[in-house]
Amino acid sequence: MEIVSYPAIFQQKNNQIEVDFPDLPEAFTQGKNMETAMEFAKLGLAITLNDKLGHFEKAPQVSELAEVQAAHPGAVVKMVTVDLEQY
């Protein structure tokens, strides 16, 4: 198992929930509700990190959850956790 967790910002926009990863902007995704947004966030995180690692790039350092929350007041900030070996 290769478990990783990164903070993500969930914001309601245009009838969608957009998901941004401050440490991995290329993992941006969205969903029609929080449940699908979280599932797509897990998928986007796993694909992005596996791609980086597959190209011998280092995974970015994980930002502190409290720092991300402080930088985005009013947004929902959650840790997204995946097992990279499942993707």
PDB file of N, CA and C in Angstrom:
ATOM      1  N   MET A   1       0.835  -1.188   0.000  1.00  0.00           N
ATOM      2  CA  MET A   1       0.000   0.000   0.000  1.00  0.00           C
ATOM      3  C   MET A   1       0.875   1.245   0.000  1.00  0.00           C
ATOM      4  N   GLU A   2       0.476   2.202  -0.776  1.00  0.00           N
ATOM      5  CA  GLU A   2       1.174   3.487  -0.813  1.00  0.00           C
ATOM      6  C   GLU A   2       0.128   4.586  -0.619  1.00  0.00           C
ATOM      7  N   ILE A   3      -0.157   4.864   0.652  1.00  0.00           N
ATOM      8  CA  ILE A   3      -1.198   5.821   1.020  1.00  0.00           C
ATOM      9  C   ILE A   3      -0.629   7.238   1.015  1.00  0.00           C
ATOM     10  N   VAL A   4      -1.334   8.145   0.343  1.00  0.00           N
ATOM     11  CA  VAL A   4      -0.953   9.560   0.334  1.00  0.00           C
ATOM     12  C   VAL A   4      -2.180  10.404   0.655  1.00  0.00           C
ATOM     13  N   SER A   5      -1.943  11.566   1.246  1.00  0.00           N
ATOM     14  CA  SER A   5      -3.015  12.519   1.566  1.00  0.00           C
ATOM     15  C   SER A   5      -2.558  13.923   1.221  1.00  0.00           C
ATOM     16  N   TYR A   6      -3.420  14.657   0.532  1.00  0.00           N
ATOM     17  CA  TYR A   6      -3.152  16.053   0.186  1.00  0.00           C
ATOM     18  C   TYR A   6      -4.398  16.874   0.489  1.00  0.00           C
ATOM     19  N   PRO A   7      -4.215  18.129   0.912  1.00  0.00           N
ATOM     20  CA  PRO A   7      -5.381  18.984   1.151  1.00  0.00           C
ATOM     21  C   PRO A   7      -5.994  19.442  -0.171  1.00  0.00           C
ATOM     22  N   ALA A   8      -7.318  19.514  -0.167  1.00  0.00           N
ATOM     23  CA  ALA A   8      -8.052  19.977  -1.344  1.00  0.00           C
ATOM     24  C   ALA A   8      -9.082  21.009  -0.915  1.00  0.00           C
ATOM     25  N   ILE A   9      -9.343  21.951  -1.810  1.00  0.00           N
ATOM     26  CA  ILE A   9     -10.307  23.025  -1.575  1.00  0.00           C
ATOM     27  C   ILE A   9     -11.548  22.715  -2.405  1.00  0.00           C
ATOM     28  N   PHE A  10     -12.694  22.610  -1.740  1.00  0.00           N
ATOM     29  CA  PHE A  10     -13.974  22.316  -2.389  1.00  0.00           C
ATOM     30  C   PHE A  10     -14.815  23.585  -2.358  1.00  0.00           C
ATOM     31  N   GLN A  11     -15.199  24.092  -3.546  1.00  0.00           N
ATOM     32  CA  GLN A  11     -15.992  25.326  -3.625  1.00  0.00           C
ATOM     33  C   GLN A  11     -17.141  25.162  -4.608  1.00  0.00           C
ATOM     34  N   GLN A  12     -18.317  25.601  -4.194  1.00  0.00           N
ATOM     35  CA  GLN A  12     -19.502  25.557  -5.052  1.00  0.00           C
ATOM     36  C   GLN A  12     -19.400  26.663  -6.100  1.00  0.00           C
ATOM     37  N   LYS A  13     -19.491  26.285  -7.382  1.00  0.00           N
ATOM     38  CA  LYS A  13     -19.481  27.253  -8.480  1.00  0.00           C
ATOM     39  C   LYS A  13     -20.317  26.703  -9.623  1.00  0.00           C
ATOM     40  N   ASN A  14     -21.254  27.506 -10.099  1.00  0.00           N
ATOM     41  CA  ASN A  14     -22.059  27.148 -11.275  1.00  0.00           C
ATOM     42  C   ASN A  14     -22.661  25.750 -11.188  1.00  0.00           C
ATOM     43  N   ASN A  15     -23.361  25.462 -10.112  1.00  0.00           N
ATOM     44  CA  ASN A  15     -24.025  24.170  -9.918  1.00  0.00           C
ATOM     45  C   ASN A  15     -23.067  22.985  -9.892  1.00  0.00           C
ATOM     46  N   GLN A  16     -21.810  23.236  -9.628  1.00  0.00           N
ATOM     47  CA  GLN A  16     -20.796  22.194  -9.507  1.00  0.00           C
ATOM     48  C   GLN A  16     -19.963  22.470  -8.263  1.00  0.00           C
ATOM     49  N   ILE A  17     -19.315  21.461  -7.776  1.00  0.00           N
ATOM     50  CA  ILE A  17     -18.329  21.658  -6.723  1.00  0.00           C
ATOM     51  C   ILE A  17     -16.964  21.485  -7.371  1.00  0.00           C
ATOM     52  N   GLU A  18     -16.195  22.565  -7.402  1.00  0.00           N
ATOM     53  CA  GLU A  18     -14.854  22.531  -7.977  1.00  0.00           C
ATOM     54  C   GLU A  18     -13.861  22.134  -6.897  1.00  0.00           C
ATOM     55  N   VAL A  19     -12.882  21.338  -7.292  1.00  0.00           N
ATOM     56  CA  VAL A  19     -11.880  20.845  -6.354  1.00  0.00           C
ATOM     57  C   VAL A  19     -10.501  21.260  -6.846  1.00  0.00           C
ATOM     58  N   ASP A  20      -9.789  21.982  -5.998  1.00  0.00           N
ATOM     59  CA  ASP A  20      -8.426  22.416  -6.303  1.00  0.00           C
ATOM     60  C   ASP A  20      -7.474  21.835  -5.269  1.00  0.00           C
ATOM     61  N   PHE A  21      -6.317  21.385  -5.729  1.00  0.00           N
ATOM     62  CA  PHE A  21      -5.243  20.942  -4.852  1.00  0.00           C
ATOM     63  C   PHE A  21      -4.137  21.990  -4.916  1.00  0.00           C
ATOM     64  N   PRO A  22      -3.889  22.726  -3.838  1.00  0.00           N
ATOM     65  CA  PRO A  22      -2.840  23.752  -3.873  1.00  0.00           C
ATOM     66  C   PRO A  22      -1.462  23.189  -4.233  1.00  0.00           C
ATOM     67  N   ASP A  23      -1.186  21.966  -3.831  1.00  0.00           N
ATOM     68  CA  ASP A  23       0.124  21.364  -4.089  1.00  0.00           C
ATOM     69  C   ASP A  23       0.206  20.698  -5.458  1.00  0.00           C
ATOM     70  N   LEU A  24      -0.935  20.432  -6.060  1.00  0.00           N
ATOM     71  CA  LEU A  24      -1.002  19.751  -7.356  1.00  0.00           C
ATOM     72  C   LEU A  24      -2.099  20.387  -8.214  1.00  0.00           C
ATOM     73  N   PRO A  25      -1.876  21.588  -8.740  1.00  0.00           N
ATOM     74  CA  PRO A  25      -2.935  22.270  -9.495  1.00  0.00           C
ATOM     75  C   PRO A  25      -3.438  21.479 -10.700  1.00  0.00           C
ATOM     76  N   GLU A  26      -2.596  20.613 -11.250  1.00  0.00           N
ATOM     77  CA  GLU A  26      -3.008  19.836 -12.411  1.00  0.00           C
ATOM     78  C   GLU A  26      -4.022  18.737 -12.059  1.00  0.00           C
ATOM     79  N   ALA A  27      -4.274  18.512 -10.775  1.00  0.00           N
ATOM     80  CA  ALA A  27      -5.260  17.513 -10.340  1.00  0.00           C
ATOM     81  C   ALA A  27      -6.655  18.122 -10.190  1.00  0.00           C
ATOM     82  N   PHE A  28      -6.862  19.340 -10.673  1.00  0.00           N
ATOM     83  CA  PHE A  28      -8.168  20.018 -10.600  1.00  0.00           C
ATOM     84  C   PHE A  28      -9.270  19.116 -11.145  1.00  0.00           C
ATOM     85  N   THR A  29     -10.411  19.129 -10.468  1.00  0.00           N
ATOM     86  CA  THR A  29     -11.565  18.364 -10.935  1.00  0.00           C
ATOM     87  C   THR A  29     -12.838  19.011 -10.414  1.00  0.00           C
ATOM     88  N   GLN A  30     -13.969  18.395 -10.676  1.00  0.00           N
ATOM     89  CA  GLN A  30     -15.242  18.906 -10.182  1.00  0.00           C
ATOM     90  C   GLN A  30     -16.254  17.772 -10.142  1.00  0.00           C
ATOM     91  N   GLY A  31     -17.352  18.020  -9.446  1.00  0.00           N
ATOM     92  CA  GLY A  31     -18.435  17.045  -9.364  1.00  0.00           C
ATOM     93  C   GLY A  31     -19.743  17.758  -9.111  1.00  0.00           C
ATOM     94  N   LYS A  32     -20.846  17.061  -9.369  1.00  0.00           N
ATOM     95  CA  LYS A  32     -22.147  17.708  -9.216  1.00  0.00           C
ATOM     96  C   LYS A  32     -22.585  17.813  -7.764  1.00  0.00           C
ATOM     97  N   ASN A  33     -21.977  17.021  -6.879  1.00  0.00           N
ATOM     98  CA  ASN A  33     -22.244  17.119  -5.446  1.00  0.00           C
ATOM     99  C   ASN A  33     -20.965  16.747  -4.694  1.00  0.00           C
ATOM    100  N   MET A  34     -20.996  16.840  -3.372  1.00  0.00           N
ATOM    101  CA  MET A  34     -19.779  16.606  -2.597  1.00  0.00           C
ATOM    102  C   MET A  34     -19.282  15.169  -2.743  1.00  0.00           C
ATOM    103  N   GLU A  35     -20.196  14.227  -2.814  1.00  0.00           N
ATOM    104  CA  GLU A  35     -19.793  12.823  -2.936  1.00  0.00           C
ATOM    105  C   GLU A  35     -19.040  12.564  -4.242  1.00  0.00           C
ATOM    106  N   THR A  36     -19.596  13.022  -5.362  1.00  0.00           N
ATOM    107  CA  THR A  36     -18.905  12.800  -6.633  1.00  0.00           C
ATOM    108  C   THR A  36     -17.653  13.656  -6.735  1.00  0.00           C
ATOM    109  N   ALA A  37     -17.680  14.851  -6.177  1.00  0.00           N
ATOM    110  CA  ALA A  37     -16.479  15.693  -6.188  1.00  0.00           C
ATOM    111  C   ALA A  37     -15.341  15.004  -5.434  1.00  0.00           C
ATOM    112  N   MET A  38     -15.640  14.378  -4.303  1.00  0.00           N
ATOM    113  CA  MET A  38     -14.607  13.676  -3.540  1.00  0.00           C
ATOM    114  C   MET A  38     -14.086  12.466  -4.309  1.00  0.00           C
ATOM    115  N   GLU A  39     -14.973  11.716  -4.957  1.00  0.00           N
ATOM    116  CA  GLU A  39     -14.526  10.558  -5.740  1.00  0.00           C
ATOM    117  C   GLU A  39     -13.626  10.994  -6.893  1.00  0.00           C
ATOM    118  N   PHE A  40     -14.024  12.065  -7.600  1.00  0.00           N
ATOM    119  CA  PHE A  40     -13.192  12.568  -8.689  1.00  0.00           C
ATOM    120  C   PHE A  40     -11.885  13.150  -8.153  1.00  0.00           C
ATOM    121  N   ALA A  41     -11.925  13.735  -6.962  1.00  0.00           N
ATOM    122  CA  ALA A  41     -10.707  14.270  -6.347  1.00  0.00           C
ATOM    123  C   ALA A  41      -9.722  13.140  -6.063  1.00  0.00           C
ATOM    124  N   LYS A  42     -10.216  12.034  -5.543  1.00  0.00           N
ATOM    125  CA  LYS A  42      -9.347  10.879  -5.280  1.00  0.00           C
ATOM    126  C   LYS A  42      -8.735  10.367  -6.574  1.00  0.00           C
ATOM    127  N   LEU A  43      -9.564  10.246  -7.597  1.00  0.00           N
ATOM    128  CA  LEU A  43      -9.080   9.771  -8.890  1.00  0.00           C
ATOM    129  C   LEU A  43      -8.047  10.732  -9.476  1.00  0.00           C
ATOM    130  N   GLY A  44      -8.354  12.027  -9.458  1.00  0.00           N
ATOM    131  CA  GLY A  44      -7.420  13.022  -9.992  1.00  0.00           C
ATOM    132  C   GLY A  44      -6.109  13.047  -9.238  1.00  0.00           C
ATOM    133  N   LEU A  45      -6.176  12.934  -7.916  1.00  0.00           N
ATOM    134  CA  LEU A  45      -4.962  12.905  -7.103  1.00  0.00           C
ATOM    135  C   LEU A  45      -4.120  11.687  -7.451  1.00  0.00           C
ATOM    136  N   ALA A  46      -4.743  10.525  -7.523  1.00  0.00           N
ATOM    137  CA  ALA A  46      -4.009   9.296  -7.822  1.00  0.00           C
ATOM    138  C   ALA A  46      -3.381   9.335  -9.212  1.00  0.00           C
ATOM    139  N   ILE A  47      -4.142   9.757 -10.210  1.00  0.00           N
ATOM    140  CA  ILE A  47      -3.616   9.800 -11.576  1.00  0.00           C
ATOM    141  C   ILE A  47      -2.460  10.787 -11.676  1.00  0.00           C
ATOM    142  N   THR A  48      -2.618  11.962 -11.094  1.00  0.00           N
ATOM    143  CA  THR A  48      -1.574  12.987 -11.164  1.00  0.00           C
ATOM    144  C   THR A  48      -0.296  12.521 -10.482  1.00  0.00           C
ATOM    145  N   LEU A  49      -0.423  11.975  -9.279  1.00  0.00           N
ATOM    146  CA  LEU A  49       0.779  11.525  -8.567  1.00  0.00           C
ATOM    147  C   LEU A  49       1.425  10.327  -9.252  1.00  0.00           C
ATOM    148  N   ASN A  50       0.630   9.368  -9.712  1.00  0.00           N
ATOM    149  CA  ASN A  50       1.211   8.220 -10.411  1.00  0.00           C
ATOM    150  C   ASN A  50       1.928   8.656 -11.680  1.00  0.00           C
ATOM    151  N   ASP A  51       1.391   9.657 -12.374  1.00  0.00           N
ATOM    152  CA  ASP A  51       2.048  10.171 -13.572  1.00  0.00           C
ATOM    153  C   ASP A  51       3.388  10.811 -13.223  1.00  0.00           C
ATOM    154  N   LYS A  52       3.401  11.639 -12.188  1.00  0.00           N
ATOM    155  CA  LYS A  52       4.652  12.280 -11.766  1.00  0.00           C
ATOM    156  C   LYS A  52       5.689  11.229 -11.372  1.00  0.00           C
ATOM    157  N   LEU A  53       5.282  10.293 -10.533  1.00  0.00           N
ATOM    158  CA  LEU A  53       6.214   9.275 -10.054  1.00  0.00           C
ATOM    159  C   LEU A  53       6.676   8.373 -11.191  1.00  0.00           C
ATOM    160  N   GLY A  54       5.791   8.109 -12.147  1.00  0.00           N
ATOM    161  CA  GLY A  54       6.153   7.301 -13.305  1.00  0.00           C
ATOM    162  C   GLY A  54       7.167   7.976 -14.209  1.00  0.00           C
ATOM    163  N   HIS A  55       7.241   9.302 -14.128  1.00  0.00           N
ATOM    164  CA  HIS A  55       8.225  10.068 -14.897  1.00  0.00           C
ATOM    165  C   HIS A  55       9.401  10.484 -14.015  1.00  0.00           C
ATOM    166  N   PHE A  56       9.571   9.787 -12.908  1.00  0.00           N
ATOM    167  CA  PHE A  56      10.687   9.990 -11.974  1.00  0.00           C
ATOM    168  C   PHE A  56      10.742  11.396 -11.395  1.00  0.00           C
ATOM    169  N   GLU A  57       9.570  12.025 -11.275  1.00  0.00           N
ATOM    170  CA  GLU A  57       9.475  13.319 -10.604  1.00  0.00           C
ATOM    171  C   GLU A  57       9.123  13.066  -9.145  1.00  0.00           C
ATOM    172  N   LYS A  58       9.529  13.986  -8.292  1.00  0.00           N
ATOM    173  CA  LYS A  58       9.181  13.869  -6.882  1.00  0.00           C
ATOM    174  C   LYS A  58       7.752  14.343  -6.665  1.00  0.00           C
ATOM    175  N   ALA A  59       7.094  13.707  -5.719  1.00  0.00           N
ATOM    176  CA  ALA A  59       5.777  14.186  -5.304  1.00  0.00           C
ATOM    177  C   ALA A  59       5.989  15.479  -4.527  1.00  0.00           C
ATOM    178  N   PRO A  60       5.133  16.472  -4.727  1.00  0.00           N
ATOM    179  CA  PRO A  60       5.312  17.731  -3.994  1.00  0.00           C
ATOM    180  C   PRO A  60       5.083  17.541  -2.498  1.00  0.00           C
ATOM    181  N   GLN A  61       5.725  18.403  -1.740  1.00  0.00           N
ATOM    182  CA  GLN A  61       5.540  18.387  -0.293  1.00  0.00           C
ATOM    183  C   GLN A  61       4.089  18.733   0.022  1.00  0.00           C
ATOM    184  N   VAL A  62       3.548  18.086   1.028  1.00  0.00           N
ATOM    185  CA  VAL A  62       2.149  18.281   1.410  1.00  0.00           C
ATOM    186  C   VAL A  62       2.016  19.526   2.280  1.00  0.00           C
ATOM    187  N   SER A  63       1.112  20.420   1.890  1.00  0.00           N
ATOM    188  CA  SER A  63       0.829  21.612   2.699  1.00  0.00           C
ATOM    189  C   SER A  63       0.069  21.212   3.956  1.00  0.00           C
ATOM    190  N   GLU A  64       0.233  22.002   4.993  1.00  0.00           N
ATOM    191  CA  GLU A  64      -0.509  21.771   6.231  1.00  0.00           C
ATOM    192  C   GLU A  64      -1.977  22.141   6.008  1.00  0.00           C
ATOM    193  N   LEU A  65      -2.870  21.303   6.492  1.00  0.00           N
ATOM    194  CA  LEU A  65      -4.303  21.541   6.336  1.00  0.00           C
ATOM    195  C   LEU A  65      -4.704  22.893   6.915  1.00  0.00           C
ATOM    196  N   ALA A  66      -4.198  23.232   8.089  1.00  0.00           N
ATOM    197  CA  ALA A  66      -4.552  24.502   8.742  1.00  0.00           C
ATOM    198  C   ALA A  66      -4.122  25.701   7.905  1.00  0.00           C
ATOM    199  N   GLU A  67      -2.979  25.604   7.237  1.00  0.00           N
ATOM    200  CA  GLU A  67      -2.504  26.702   6.388  1.00  0.00           C
ATOM    201  C   GLU A  67      -3.425  26.892   5.186  1.00  0.00           C
ATOM    202  N   VAL A  68      -3.856  25.790   4.598  1.00  0.00           N
ATOM    203  CA  VAL A  68      -4.749  25.875   3.438  1.00  0.00           C
ATOM    204  C   VAL A  68      -6.102  26.429   3.873  1.00  0.00           C
ATOM    205  N   GLN A  69      -6.604  25.982   5.024  1.00  0.00           N
ATOM    206  CA  GLN A  69      -7.873  26.506   5.539  1.00  0.00           C
ATOM    207  C   GLN A  69      -7.782  28.005   5.798  1.00  0.00           C
ATOM    208  N   ALA A  70      -6.680  28.454   6.379  1.00  0.00           N
ATOM    209  CA  ALA A  70      -6.505  29.878   6.673  1.00  0.00           C
ATOM    210  C   ALA A  70      -6.444  30.707   5.391  1.00  0.00           C
ATOM    211  N   ALA A  71      -5.874  30.142   4.340  1.00  0.00           N
ATOM    212  CA  ALA A  71      -5.743  30.859   3.072  1.00  0.00           C
ATOM    213  C   ALA A  71      -7.046  30.890   2.273  1.00  0.00           C
ATOM    214  N   HIS A  72      -8.005  30.045   2.639  1.00  0.00           N
ATOM    215  CA  HIS A  72      -9.264  29.948   1.888  1.00  0.00           C
ATOM    216  C   HIS A  72     -10.457  29.960   2.836  1.00  0.00           C
ATOM    217  N   PRO A  73     -10.651  31.079   3.554  1.00  0.00           N
ATOM    218  CA  PRO A  73     -11.789  31.141   4.478  1.00  0.00           C
ATOM    219  C   PRO A  73     -13.110  31.045   3.706  1.00  0.00           C
ATOM    220  N   GLY A  74     -14.043  30.342   4.257  1.00  0.00           N
ATOM    221  CA  GLY A  74     -15.332  30.184   3.601  1.00  0.00           C
ATOM    222  C   GLY A  74     -15.414  28.979   2.689  1.00  0.00           C
ATOM    223  N   ALA A  75     -14.278  28.401   2.337  1.00  0.00           N
ATOM    224  CA  ALA A  75     -14.271  27.205   1.493  1.00  0.00           C
ATOM    225  C   ALA A  75     -14.197  25.966   2.383  1.00  0.00           C
ATOM    226  N   VAL A  76     -14.637  24.860   1.844  1.00  0.00           N
ATOM    227  CA  VAL A  76     -14.485  23.581   2.534  1.00  0.00           C
ATOM    228  C   VAL A  76     -13.118  23.030   2.149  1.00  0.00           C
ATOM    229  N   VAL A  77     -12.290  22.768   3.137  1.00  0.00           N
ATOM    230  CA  VAL A  77     -10.956  22.217   2.893  1.00  0.00           C
ATOM    231  C   VAL A  77     -10.877  20.872   3.601  1.00  0.00           C
ATOM    232  N   LYS A  78     -10.549  19.841   2.834  1.00  0.00           N
ATOM    233  CA  LYS A  78     -10.464  18.486   3.380  1.00  0.00           C
ATOM    234  C   LYS A  78      -9.206  17.811   2.865  1.00  0.00           C
ATOM    235  N   MET A  79      -8.727  16.843   3.634  1.00  0.00           N
ATOM    236  CA  MET A  79      -7.648  16.001   3.152  1.00  0.00           C
ATOM    237  C   MET A  79      -8.259  14.926   2.255  1.00  0.00           C
ATOM    238  N   VAL A  80      -7.625  14.697   1.121  1.00  0.00           N
ATOM    239  CA  VAL A  80      -8.038  13.636   0.211  1.00  0.00           C
ATOM    240  C   VAL A  80      -6.967  12.559   0.296  1.00  0.00           C
ATOM    241  N   THR A  81      -7.390  11.350   0.606  1.00  0.00           N
ATOM    242  CA  THR A  81      -6.462  10.242   0.828  1.00  0.00           C
ATOM    243  C   THR A  81      -6.730   9.134  -0.176  1.00  0.00           C
ATOM    244  N   VAL A  82      -5.656   8.630  -0.788  1.00  0.00           N
ATOM    245  CA  VAL A  82      -5.770   7.521  -1.740  1.00  0.00           C
ATOM    246  C   VAL A  82      -4.619   6.548  -1.547  1.00  0.00           C
ATOM    247  N   ASP A  83      -4.845   5.326  -1.979  1.00  0.00           N
ATOM    248  CA  ASP A  83      -3.797   4.315  -2.065  1.00  0.00           C
ATOM    249  C   ASP A  83      -3.377   4.287  -3.532  1.00  0.00           C
ATOM    250  N   LEU A  84      -2.184   4.758  -3.819  1.00  0.00           N
ATOM    251  CA  LEU A  84      -1.733   4.868  -5.210  1.00  0.00           C
ATOM    252  C   LEU A  84      -1.665   3.518  -5.912  1.00  0.00           C
ATOM    253  N   GLU A  85      -1.511   2.453  -5.157  1.00  0.00           N
ATOM    254  CA  GLU A  85      -1.433   1.127  -5.772  1.00  0.00           C
ATOM    255  C   GLU A  85      -2.785   0.642  -6.290  1.00  0.00           C
ATOM    256  N   GLN A  86      -3.871   1.297  -5.901  1.00  0.00           N
ATOM    257  CA  GLN A  86      -5.198   0.903  -6.379  1.00  0.00           C
ATOM    258  C   GLN A  86      -5.552   1.567  -7.706  1.00  0.00           C
ATOM    259  N   TYR A  87      -4.693   2.459  -8.197  1.00  0.00           N
ATOM    260  CA  TYR A  87      -4.993   3.170  -9.439  1.00  0.00           C
ATOM    261  C   TYR A  87      -3.934   2.900 -10.473  1.00  0.00           C
TER     262      TYR A  87
END
